[in-house]
C-alpha atoms as a PDB file:
ATOM      1  CA  MET A   1     -35.824  -0.709 -90.709  1.00  0.00           C
ATOM      2  CA  ARG A   2     -38.703   0.509 -88.945  1.00  0.00           C
ATOM      3  CA  LYS A   3     -39.364  -3.028 -87.807  1.00  0.00           C
ATOM      4  CA  TYR A   4     -35.981  -3.006 -86.256  1.00  0.00           C
ATOM      5  CA  ILE A   5     -36.602  -0.063 -84.259  1.00  0.00           C
ATOM      6  CA  LEU A   6     -39.962  -1.144 -83.023  1.00  0.00           C
ATOM      7  CA  ILE A   7     -38.277  -4.436 -81.676  1.00  0.00           C
ATOM      8  CA  THR A   8     -35.598  -2.307 -79.912  1.00  0.00           C
ATOM      9  CA  LEU A   9     -38.163  -0.215 -78.059  1.00  0.00           C
ATOM     10  CA  ALA A  10     -39.895  -3.246 -77.101  1.00  0.00           C
ATOM     11  CA  VAL A  11     -37.045  -4.632 -75.439  1.00  0.00           C
ATOM     12  CA  MET A  12     -36.086  -1.452 -73.788  1.00  0.00           C
ATOM     13  CA  LEU A  13     -39.616  -0.975 -72.266  1.00  0.00           C
ATOM     14  CA  THR A  14     -39.350  -4.754 -70.879  1.00  0.00           C
ATOM     15  CA  LEU A  15     -36.311  -3.980 -69.036  1.00  0.00           C
ATOM     16  CA  ALA A  16     -37.583  -0.858 -67.539  1.00  0.00           C
ATOM     17  CA  LEU A  17     -40.651  -2.740 -66.199  1.00  0.00           C
ATOM     18  CA  ILE A  18     -38.103  -5.564 -64.677  1.00  0.00           C
ATOM     19  CA  ALA A  19     -36.095  -2.869 -63.250  1.00  0.00           C
ATOM     20  CA  CYS A  20     -38.817  -1.168 -61.637  1.00  0.00           C
ATOM     21  CA  SER A  21     -40.046  -4.452 -60.154  1.00  0.00           C
ATOM     22  CA  VAL A  22     -36.812  -5.263 -58.417  1.00  0.00           C
ATOM     23  CA  SER A  23     -36.283  -1.604 -56.847  1.00  0.00           C
ATOM     24  CA  ASN A  24     -39.817  -2.105 -55.369  1.00  0.00           C
ATOM     25  CA  PRO A  25     -40.310  -5.809 -54.262  1.00  0.00           C
ATOM     26  CA  GLY A  26     -44.078  -6.899 -54.131  1.00  0.00           C
ATOM     27  CA  ASN A  27     -45.097  -3.412 -55.800  1.00  0.00           C
ATOM     28  CA  ALA A  28     -45.186  -2.059 -52.259  1.00  0.00           C
ATOM     29  CA  PRO A  29     -46.612   1.482 -52.495  1.00  0.00           C
ATOM     30  CA  ILE A  30     -44.368   4.304 -52.500  1.00  0.00           C
ATOM     31  CA  PRO A  31     -44.990   7.211 -50.111  1.00  0.00           C
ATOM     32  CA  GLU A  32     -46.290  10.293 -51.502  1.00  0.00           C
ATOM     33  CA  ASN A  33     -45.387  12.530 -48.747  1.00  0.00           C
ATOM     34  CA  ASN A  34     -42.182  13.755 -49.771  1.00  0.00           C
ATOM     35  CA  ASP A  35     -42.323  16.525 -47.104  1.00  0.00           C
ATOM     36  CA  ALA A  36     -41.711  14.206 -43.959  1.00  0.00           C
ATOM     37  CA  GLU A  37     -38.661  15.446 -41.871  1.00  0.00           C
ATOM     38  CA  VAL A  38     -35.472  13.871 -42.254  1.00  0.00           C
ATOM     39  CA  GLU A  39     -32.803  13.830 -39.528  1.00  0.00           C
ATOM     40  CA  GLU A  40     -29.638  15.588 -40.889  1.00  0.00           C
ATOM     41  CA  ILE A  41     -26.640  13.533 -40.044  1.00  0.00           C
ATOM     42  CA  THR A  42     -23.406  15.713 -40.046  1.00  0.00           C
ATOM     43  CA  ILE A  43     -20.167  13.610 -40.949  1.00  0.00           C
ATOM     44  CA  SER A  44     -17.106  15.355 -39.554  1.00  0.00           C
ATOM     45  CA  ASP A  45     -13.805  15.108 -41.603  1.00  0.00           C
ATOM     46  CA  SER A  46     -11.917  15.230 -38.141  1.00  0.00           C
ATOM     47  CA  PRO A  47     -10.822  12.092 -36.279  1.00  0.00           C
ATOM     48  CA  VAL A  48     -12.813  11.074 -33.396  1.00  0.00           C
ATOM     49  CA  ALA A  49     -10.384  11.282 -30.267  1.00  0.00           C
ATOM     50  CA  LEU A  50     -10.787   8.002 -27.948  1.00  0.00           C
ATOM     51  CA  ASP A  51     -10.514   8.455 -24.266  1.00  0.00           C
ATOM     52  CA  ASN A  52      -7.946   5.936 -23.216  1.00  0.00           C
ATOM     53  CA  SER A  53      -6.819   7.566 -19.879  1.00  0.00           C
ATOM     54  CA  ILE A  54      -6.894   5.613 -16.554  1.00  0.00           C
ATOM     55  CA  PRO A  55      -8.871   6.955 -13.596  1.00  0.00           C
ATOM     56  CA  GLU A  56      -6.880   8.790 -11.226  1.00  0.00           C
ATOM     57  CA  GLU A  57      -7.699   6.453  -8.471  1.00  0.00           C
ATOM     58  CA  GLU A  58      -6.543   3.318 -10.267  1.00  0.00           C
ATOM     59  CA  ALA A  59      -3.460   5.121 -12.144  1.00  0.00           C
ATOM     60  CA  PHE A  60      -1.015   3.917  -9.488  1.00  0.00           C
ATOM     61  CA  ILE A  61      -2.729   0.416  -8.817  1.00  0.00           C
ATOM     62  CA  THR A  62       0.040  -2.531  -9.263  1.00  0.00           C
ATOM     63  CA  GLU A  63      -0.786  -6.270  -9.941  1.00  0.00           C
ATOM     64  CA  GLU A  64       0.400  -6.902  -6.443  1.00  0.00           C
ATOM     65  CA  ASP A  65      -1.859  -4.484  -4.836  1.00  0.00           C
ATOM     66  CA  ILE A  66      -4.762  -6.159  -6.659  1.00  0.00           C
ATOM     67  CA  LEU A  67      -3.895  -9.644  -5.388  1.00  0.00           C
ATOM     68  CA  VAL A  68      -3.509  -8.193  -1.913  1.00  0.00           C
ATOM     69  CA  GLU A  69      -6.886  -6.625  -1.836  1.00  0.00           C
ATOM     70  CA  GLU A  70      -8.506  -9.854  -3.238  1.00  0.00           C
ATOM     71  CA  GLU A  71      -6.682 -11.840  -0.651  1.00  0.00           C
ATOM     72  CA  GLU A  72      -7.892  -9.254   2.095  1.00  0.00           C
ATOM     73  CA  ASP A  73     -11.515  -9.254   0.807  1.00  0.00           C
ATOM     74  CA  LEU A  74     -11.782 -12.945   1.074  1.00  0.00           C
ATOM     75  CA  PHE A  75     -10.737 -13.214   4.825  1.00  0.00           C
ATOM     76  CA  ASN A  76     -13.109 -12.613   7.664  1.00  0.00           C
ATOM     77  CA  TYR A  77     -11.265 -10.653  10.017  1.00  0.00           C
ATOM     78  CA  THR A  78     -12.310 -10.838  13.516  1.00  0.00           C
ATOM     79  CA  VAL A  79     -10.289  -7.895  14.728  1.00  0.00           C
ATOM     80  CA  ALA A  80      -9.908  -4.287  13.250  1.00  0.00           C
ATOM     81  CA  VAL A  81      -6.831  -1.810  12.849  1.00  0.00           C
ATOM     82  CA  GLU A  82      -6.498   0.084  16.018  1.00  0.00           C
ATOM     83  CA  ASP A  83      -8.134  -2.753  18.099  1.00  0.00           C
ATOM     84  CA  ILE A  84      -6.103  -3.506  21.343  1.00  0.00           C
ATOM     85  CA  ILE A  85      -5.807  -7.644  21.735  1.00  0.00           C
ATOM     86  CA  GLU A  86      -4.167  -9.848  24.003  1.00  0.00           C
ATOM     87  CA  PHE A  87      -1.630 -12.409  23.079  1.00  0.00           C
ATOM     88  CA  GLY A  88       1.180 -14.148  24.954  1.00  0.00           C
ATOM     89  CA  GLY A  89       0.424 -12.189  28.166  1.00  0.00           C
ATOM     90  CA  TYR A  90       0.956  -8.768  26.633  1.00  0.00           C
ATOM     91  CA  GLU A  91      -1.401  -6.267  25.070  1.00  0.00           C
ATOM     92  CA  TRP A  92      -0.967  -5.320  21.638  1.00  0.00           C
ATOM     93  CA  ARG A  93      -2.346  -2.534  19.022  1.00  0.00           C
ATOM     94  CA  VAL A  94      -3.313  -3.871  15.708  1.00  0.00           C
ATOM     95  CA  LEU A  95      -1.423  -1.877  12.896  1.00  0.00           C
ATOM     96  CA  ASP A  96      -2.400  -3.615   9.888  1.00  0.00           C
ATOM     97  CA  LEU A  97      -4.449  -6.457   8.152  1.00  0.00           C
ATOM     98  CA  LYS A  98      -3.106  -8.409   5.152  1.00  0.00           C
ATOM     99  CA  GLY A  99      -3.290 -11.668   3.923  1.00  0.00           C
ATOM    100  CA  GLY A 100      -4.927 -13.255   6.896  1.00  0.00           C
ATOM    101  CA  GLN A 101      -2.535 -11.780   9.290  1.00  0.00           C
ATOM    102  CA  ALA A 102      -2.456  -8.750  11.699  1.00  0.00           C
ATOM    103  CA  LEU A 103       0.821  -6.668  12.283  1.00  0.00           C
ATOM    104  CA  ILE A 104       0.668  -6.077  16.196  1.00  0.00           C
ATOM    105  CA  LEU A 105       2.725  -4.157  18.158  1.00  0.00           C
ATOM    106  CA  SER A 106       3.012  -3.913  21.881  1.00  0.00           C
ATOM    107  CA  GLU A 107       0.971  -1.489  23.290  1.00  0.00           C
ATOM    108  CA  ILE A 108       3.597  -0.614  26.352  1.00  0.00           C
ATOM    109  CA  VAL A 109       7.286  -0.393  26.749  1.00  0.00           C
ATOM    110  CA  ILE A 110       7.402  -4.046  27.636  1.00  0.00           C
ATOM    111  CA  GLU A 111      11.329  -3.712  28.937  1.00  0.00           C
ATOM    112  CA  LYS A 112      14.685  -1.847  28.560  1.00  0.00           C
ATOM    113  CA  ARG A 113      17.559  -3.105  26.711  1.00  0.00           C
ATOM    114  CA  ALA A 114      20.232  -1.802  24.532  1.00  0.00           C
ATOM    115  CA  TYR A 115      20.009  -1.900  20.855  1.00  0.00           C
ATOM    116  CA  HIS A 116      23.480  -3.669  20.666  1.00  0.00           C
ATOM    117  CA  SER A 117      25.915  -4.822  23.228  1.00  0.00           C
ATOM    118  CA  ASP A 118      29.083  -2.814  22.054  1.00  0.00           C
ATOM    119  CA  ALA A 119      29.244   0.775  20.380  1.00  0.00           C
ATOM    120  CA  LYS A 120      30.634  -0.239  16.855  1.00  0.00           C
ATOM    121  CA  ARG A 121      29.155  -0.066  13.309  1.00  0.00           C
ATOM    122  CA  ILE A 122      26.047  -2.103  13.282  1.00  0.00           C
ATOM    123  CA  THR A 123      22.650  -2.477  11.892  1.00  0.00           C
ATOM    124  CA  TRP A 124      19.288  -3.963  12.804  1.00  0.00           C
ATOM    125  CA  SER A 125      20.397  -7.395  10.816  1.00  0.00           C
ATOM    126  CA  GLY A 126      23.331  -7.854  13.306  1.00  0.00           C
ATOM    127  CA  CYS A 127      22.175  -6.273  16.594  1.00  0.00           C
ATOM    128  CA  THR A 128      21.885  -8.080  19.729  1.00  0.00           C
ATOM    129  CA  LEU A 129      18.255  -6.780  20.208  1.00  0.00           C
ATOM    130  CA  ARG A 130      17.173  -8.411  17.337  1.00  0.00           C
ATOM    131  CA  GLN A 131      18.995 -11.724  18.449  1.00  0.00           C
ATOM    132  CA  TYR A 132      17.363 -11.561  21.652  1.00  0.00           C
ATOM    133  CA  LEU A 133      14.025 -10.683  20.458  1.00  0.00           C
ATOM    134  CA  ASN A 134      14.049 -13.756  17.856  1.00  0.00           C
ATOM    135  CA  GLU A 135      15.450 -16.035  20.344  1.00  0.00           C
ATOM    136  CA  ASP A 136      15.120 -15.556  24.175  1.00  0.00           C
ATOM    137  CA  PHE A 137      11.870 -13.583  23.490  1.00  0.00           C
ATOM    138  CA  TYR A 138      10.416 -15.413  20.978  1.00  0.00           C
ATOM    139  CA  ASN A 139      10.827 -18.641  23.018  1.00  0.00           C
ATOM    140  CA  SER A 140       9.082 -17.107  26.305  1.00  0.00           C
ATOM    141  CA  PHE A 141       5.741 -17.974  24.152  1.00  0.00           C
ATOM    142  CA  THR A 142       3.999 -21.412  24.260  1.00  0.00           C
ATOM    143  CA  GLU A 143       4.206 -23.640  21.202  1.00  0.00           C
ATOM    144  CA  GLU A 144       0.667 -22.671  20.002  1.00  0.00           C
ATOM    145  CA  GLU A 145       1.814 -18.952  20.452  1.00  0.00           C
ATOM    146  CA  GLN A 146       4.816 -19.700  18.412  1.00  0.00           C
ATOM    147  CA  ALA A 147       2.975 -21.214  15.586  1.00  0.00           C
ATOM    148  CA  GLN A 148       0.540 -18.220  15.385  1.00  0.00           C
ATOM    149  CA  ILE A 149       3.763 -15.913  14.767  1.00  0.00           C
ATOM    150  CA  ALA A 150       4.568 -15.442  11.124  1.00  0.00           C
ATOM    151  CA  GLU A 151       8.216 -15.803   9.966  1.00  0.00           C
ATOM    152  CA  THR A 152       8.320 -12.538   7.719  1.00  0.00           C
ATOM    153  CA  GLN A 153      10.985 -10.737   5.137  1.00  0.00           C
ATOM    154  CA  ILE A 154      11.578  -7.479   6.892  1.00  0.00           C
ATOM    155  CA  THR A 155      12.860  -4.578   4.768  1.00  0.00           C
ATOM    156  CA  THR A 156      14.622  -1.770   6.381  1.00  0.00           C
ATOM    157  CA  LEU A 157      14.682   1.017   3.977  1.00  0.00           C
ATOM    158  CA  PHE A 158      17.370   4.003   3.954  1.00  0.00           C
ATOM    159  CA  ASN A 159      17.107   6.637   6.560  1.00  0.00           C
ATOM    160  CA  PRO A 160      15.325   9.493   4.662  1.00  0.00           C
ATOM    161  CA  TRP A 161      17.526  12.194   6.253  1.00  0.00           C
ATOM    162  CA  TYR A 162      20.760  10.993   5.958  1.00  0.00           C
ATOM    163  CA  GLY A 163      20.772   8.139   3.149  1.00  0.00           C
ATOM    164  CA  ILE A 164      22.046   5.208   5.413  1.00  0.00           C
ATOM    165  CA  PRO A 165      20.705   1.920   3.861  1.00  0.00           C
ATOM    166  CA  GLY A 166      18.927  -0.677   5.942  1.00  0.00           C
ATOM    167  CA  GLY A 167      18.881  -4.397   4.487  1.00  0.00           C
ATOM    168  CA  ASP A 168      16.552  -7.304   4.422  1.00  0.00           C
ATOM    169  CA  THR A 169      16.001  -9.837   7.427  1.00  0.00           C
ATOM    170  CA  GLU A 170      13.843 -12.888   7.968  1.00  0.00           C
ATOM    171  CA  ASP A 171      12.515 -12.222  11.375  1.00  0.00           C
ATOM    172  CA  ARG A 172       9.486 -13.371  13.515  1.00  0.00           C
ATOM    173  CA  ILE A 173       9.548 -10.435  15.890  1.00  0.00           C
ATOM    174  CA  PHE A 174      11.062  -6.907  14.984  1.00  0.00           C
ATOM    175  CA  LEU A 175      11.013  -3.217  15.689  1.00  0.00           C
ATOM    176  CA  LEU A 176       9.201  -0.651  13.627  1.00  0.00           C
ATOM    177  CA  SER A 177      11.412   1.243  11.134  1.00  0.00           C
ATOM    178  CA  LEU A 178      11.011   5.150  10.361  1.00  0.00           C
ATOM    179  CA  GLN A 179       8.901   4.479   7.621  1.00  0.00           C
ATOM    180  CA  GLU A 180       6.475   2.263   9.236  1.00  0.00           C
ATOM    181  CA  LEU A 181       6.226   4.565  12.329  1.00  0.00           C
ATOM    182  CA  ILE A 182       5.165   7.306   9.864  1.00  0.00           C
ATOM    183  CA  LYS A 183       2.783   5.042   8.140  1.00  0.00           C
ATOM    184  CA  TYR A 184       0.915   3.679  11.301  1.00  0.00           C
ATOM    185  CA  PHE A 185       0.970   7.069  13.712  1.00  0.00           C
ATOM    186  CA  GLY A 186       0.688   9.532  11.191  1.00  0.00           C
ATOM    187  CA  ASP A 187       2.553  11.431   8.305  1.00  0.00           C
ATOM    188  CA  SER A 188       3.037  15.194   8.435  1.00  0.00           C
ATOM    189  CA  GLY A 189       5.344  15.137   5.353  1.00  0.00           C
ATOM    190  CA  LYS A 190       8.384  15.877   7.338  1.00  0.00           C
ATOM    191  CA  LEU A 191      10.229  12.709   7.133  1.00  0.00           C
ATOM    192  CA  GLY A 192       9.896  12.141   3.429  1.00  0.00           C
ATOM    193  CA  ASP A 193      11.144  15.738   2.933  1.00  0.00           C
ATOM    194  CA  GLY A 194      14.465  14.909   3.866  1.00  0.00           C
ATOM    195  CA  TYR A 195      16.781  16.575   6.230  1.00  0.00           C
ATOM    196  CA  GLN A 196      15.924  20.381   6.428  1.00  0.00           C
ATOM    197  CA  GLY A 197      18.517  21.684   9.094  1.00  0.00           C
ATOM    198  CA  GLU A 198      16.621  20.340  12.323  1.00  0.00           C
ATOM    199  CA  SER A 199      17.783  17.573  14.226  1.00  0.00           C
ATOM    200  CA  PHE A 200      14.455  15.738  15.673  1.00  0.00           C
ATOM    201  CA  LEU A 201      10.910  15.327  13.835  1.00  0.00           C
ATOM    202  CA  ASP A 202       8.207  17.084  16.062  1.00  0.00           C
ATOM    203  CA  ASP A 203       4.799  17.349  14.576  1.00  0.00           C
ATOM    204  CA  GLU A 204       0.831  16.925  15.551  1.00  0.00           C
ATOM    205  CA  TYR A 205       1.557  13.316  15.771  1.00  0.00           C
ATOM    206  CA  SER A 206       4.079  13.038  18.354  1.00  0.00           C
ATOM    207  CA  ASP A 207       1.611  12.912  21.402  1.00  0.00           C
ATOM    208  CA  ALA A 208       0.140   9.512  19.633  1.00  0.00           C
ATOM    209  CA  ARG A 209       3.676   8.345  19.487  1.00  0.00           C
ATOM    210  CA  ILE A 210       4.357   8.568  23.090  1.00  0.00           C
ATOM    211  CA  ALA A 211       4.768   5.332  24.761  1.00  0.00           C
ATOM    212  CA  TYR A 212       4.732   4.089  28.679  1.00  0.00           C
ATOM    213  CA  ASP A 213       6.655   1.508  30.593  1.00  0.00           C
ATOM    214  CA  LYS A 214       4.553  -0.908  33.008  1.00  0.00           C
ATOM    215  CA  ASN A 215       5.072   1.730  35.915  1.00  0.00           C
ATOM    216  CA  GLY A 216       3.244   4.073  33.883  1.00  0.00           C
ATOM    217  CA  ASN A 217       6.056   6.502  33.128  1.00  0.00           C
ATOM    218  CA  ALA A 218       6.484   7.916  29.565  1.00  0.00           C
ATOM    219  CA  SER A 219       9.346   5.958  27.813  1.00  0.00           C
ATOM    220  CA  MET A 220      11.936   6.232  24.839  1.00  0.00           C
ATOM    221  CA  TRP A 221      11.603   3.209  22.365  1.00  0.00           C
ATOM    222  CA  TRP A 222      13.967   2.281  19.871  1.00  0.00           C
ATOM    223  CA  LEU A 223      13.378   1.953  16.286  1.00  0.00           C
ATOM    224  CA  ARG A 224      15.418  -0.639  13.865  1.00  0.00           C
ATOM    225  CA  SER A 225      16.402   2.059  11.281  1.00  0.00           C
ATOM    226  CA  VAL A 226      20.131   3.325  11.041  1.00  0.00           C
ATOM    227  CA  GLY A 227      20.444   6.590  12.283  1.00  0.00           C
ATOM    228  CA  GLN A 228      22.826   9.235  10.881  1.00  0.00           C
ATOM    229  CA  TYR A 229      25.858   7.047  11.277  1.00  0.00           C
ATOM    230  CA  ALA A 230      26.098   3.497  11.081  1.00  0.00           C
ATOM    231  CA  TRP A 231      26.593   3.245  14.802  1.00  0.00           C
ATOM    232  CA  ASP A 232      23.622   4.894  15.510  1.00  0.00           C
ATOM    233  CA  ALA A 233      20.100   3.514  16.000  1.00  0.00           C
ATOM    234  CA  THR A 234      16.886   5.846  15.533  1.00  0.00           C
ATOM    235  CA  GLU A 235      14.519   6.397  18.402  1.00  0.00           C
ATOM    236  CA  VAL A 236      11.110   7.544  19.478  1.00  0.00           C
ATOM    237  CA  PHE A 237      12.012   9.916  22.736  1.00  0.00           C
ATOM    238  CA  ALA A 238       9.550   9.983  25.824  1.00  0.00           C
ATOM    239  CA  THR A 239       7.768  13.002  24.180  1.00  0.00           C
ATOM    240  CA  GLY A 240       7.031  11.390  21.106  1.00  0.00           C
ATOM    241  CA  VAL A 241       9.327  13.375  19.149  1.00  0.00           C
ATOM    242  CA  ILE A 242      11.256  11.181  16.522  1.00  0.00           C
ATOM    243  CA  ASP A 243      15.269  11.367  16.426  1.00  0.00           C
ATOM    244  CA  PRO A 244      15.987   9.955  12.894  1.00  0.00           C
ATOM    245  CA  SER A 245      19.949  10.799  13.562  1.00  0.00           C
ATOM    246  CA  GLY A 246      20.172   8.344  16.570  1.00  0.00           C
ATOM    247  CA  ILE A 247      21.600  10.482  19.312  1.00  0.00           C
ATOM    248  CA  ILE A 248      21.251   7.972  22.062  1.00  0.00           C
ATOM    249  CA  ILE A 249      24.241   5.617  22.361  1.00  0.00           C
ATOM    250  CA  ILE A 250      23.194   1.814  21.081  1.00  0.00           C
ATOM    251  CA  THR A 251      24.603   0.374  24.257  1.00  0.00           C
ATOM    252  CA  ASP A 252      21.980   2.490  26.286  1.00  0.00           C
ATOM    253  CA  GLU A 253      20.262  -0.552  28.530  1.00  0.00           C
ATOM    254  CA  ASP A 254      17.627   2.206  29.539  1.00  0.00           C
ATOM    255  CA  GLY A 255      16.394   1.922  25.559  1.00  0.00           C
ATOM    256  CA  GLY A 256      12.625   1.148  25.705  1.00  0.00           C
ATOM    257  CA  VAL A 257      11.394  -2.303  23.361  1.00  0.00           C
ATOM    258  CA  ARG A 258       8.081  -2.147  21.901  1.00  0.00           C
ATOM    259  CA  PRO A 259       8.282  -5.559  19.727  1.00  0.00           C
ATOM    260  CA  ALA A 260       6.068  -6.107  16.435  1.00  0.00           C
ATOM    261  CA  LEU A 261       5.040  -9.280  14.717  1.00  0.00           C
ATOM    262  CA  TRP A 262       2.894 -10.450  12.218  1.00  0.00           C
ATOM    263  CA  LEU A 263       0.003 -12.746  13.757  1.00  0.00           C
ATOM    264  CA  LYS A 264      -1.678 -15.316  12.208  1.00  0.00           C
ATOM    265  CA  LEU A 265      -5.236 -15.223  12.380  1.00  0.00           C
END
């Protein structure tokens, strides 16, 4: 019995030595300084909140916006917004740059014409002024100049004050809409606020909207947006004040024309 106990103790001692050898391979010395500082790690039971928010400046950027920005960045523009350039014998103001093209507007009222030949229900798509601009006026340019004028889908949004719809057209030459006028000449917010009981829109940008004819006289000029009723067209008065209702009769031949077009650069 005593012999059995001695054998058992020998086996246990051997196993203990083996265990020590594994936990301290190579018999590396164990540091004797047990007073070393140990960084305390605090583990929280609360879940970590991840910040998945989108930066405010990127919150409303669409895929279309990104594609347009990339396209613009790749094009080496030779003109800048607000430049005055000459094209087809006229001076034009650069309003916008996009996709290798420039949106340009005649710097002056180049001529006087009625919006439509008859006093009837009409929109931009069917008016005689649109027909004239895209036929006779367009044909007055040389073939080389015509090749530089892009045919573009033009969207005429509803009148913000009266809710009259516009529509889409395919145009080479067109007039500005109410929304485009505000976008490129200054936005005080009054148009987007809707009808507030005032007949006209007069704000701090009125002076910038004043246009002159070839004789140097301030002139009213047509916009393509529909007015208060389907037989009205909106316009800018000679004072630069906007008329969203369209009180001037569409057959008035003293209406000023400031053509706009997208020019291939």
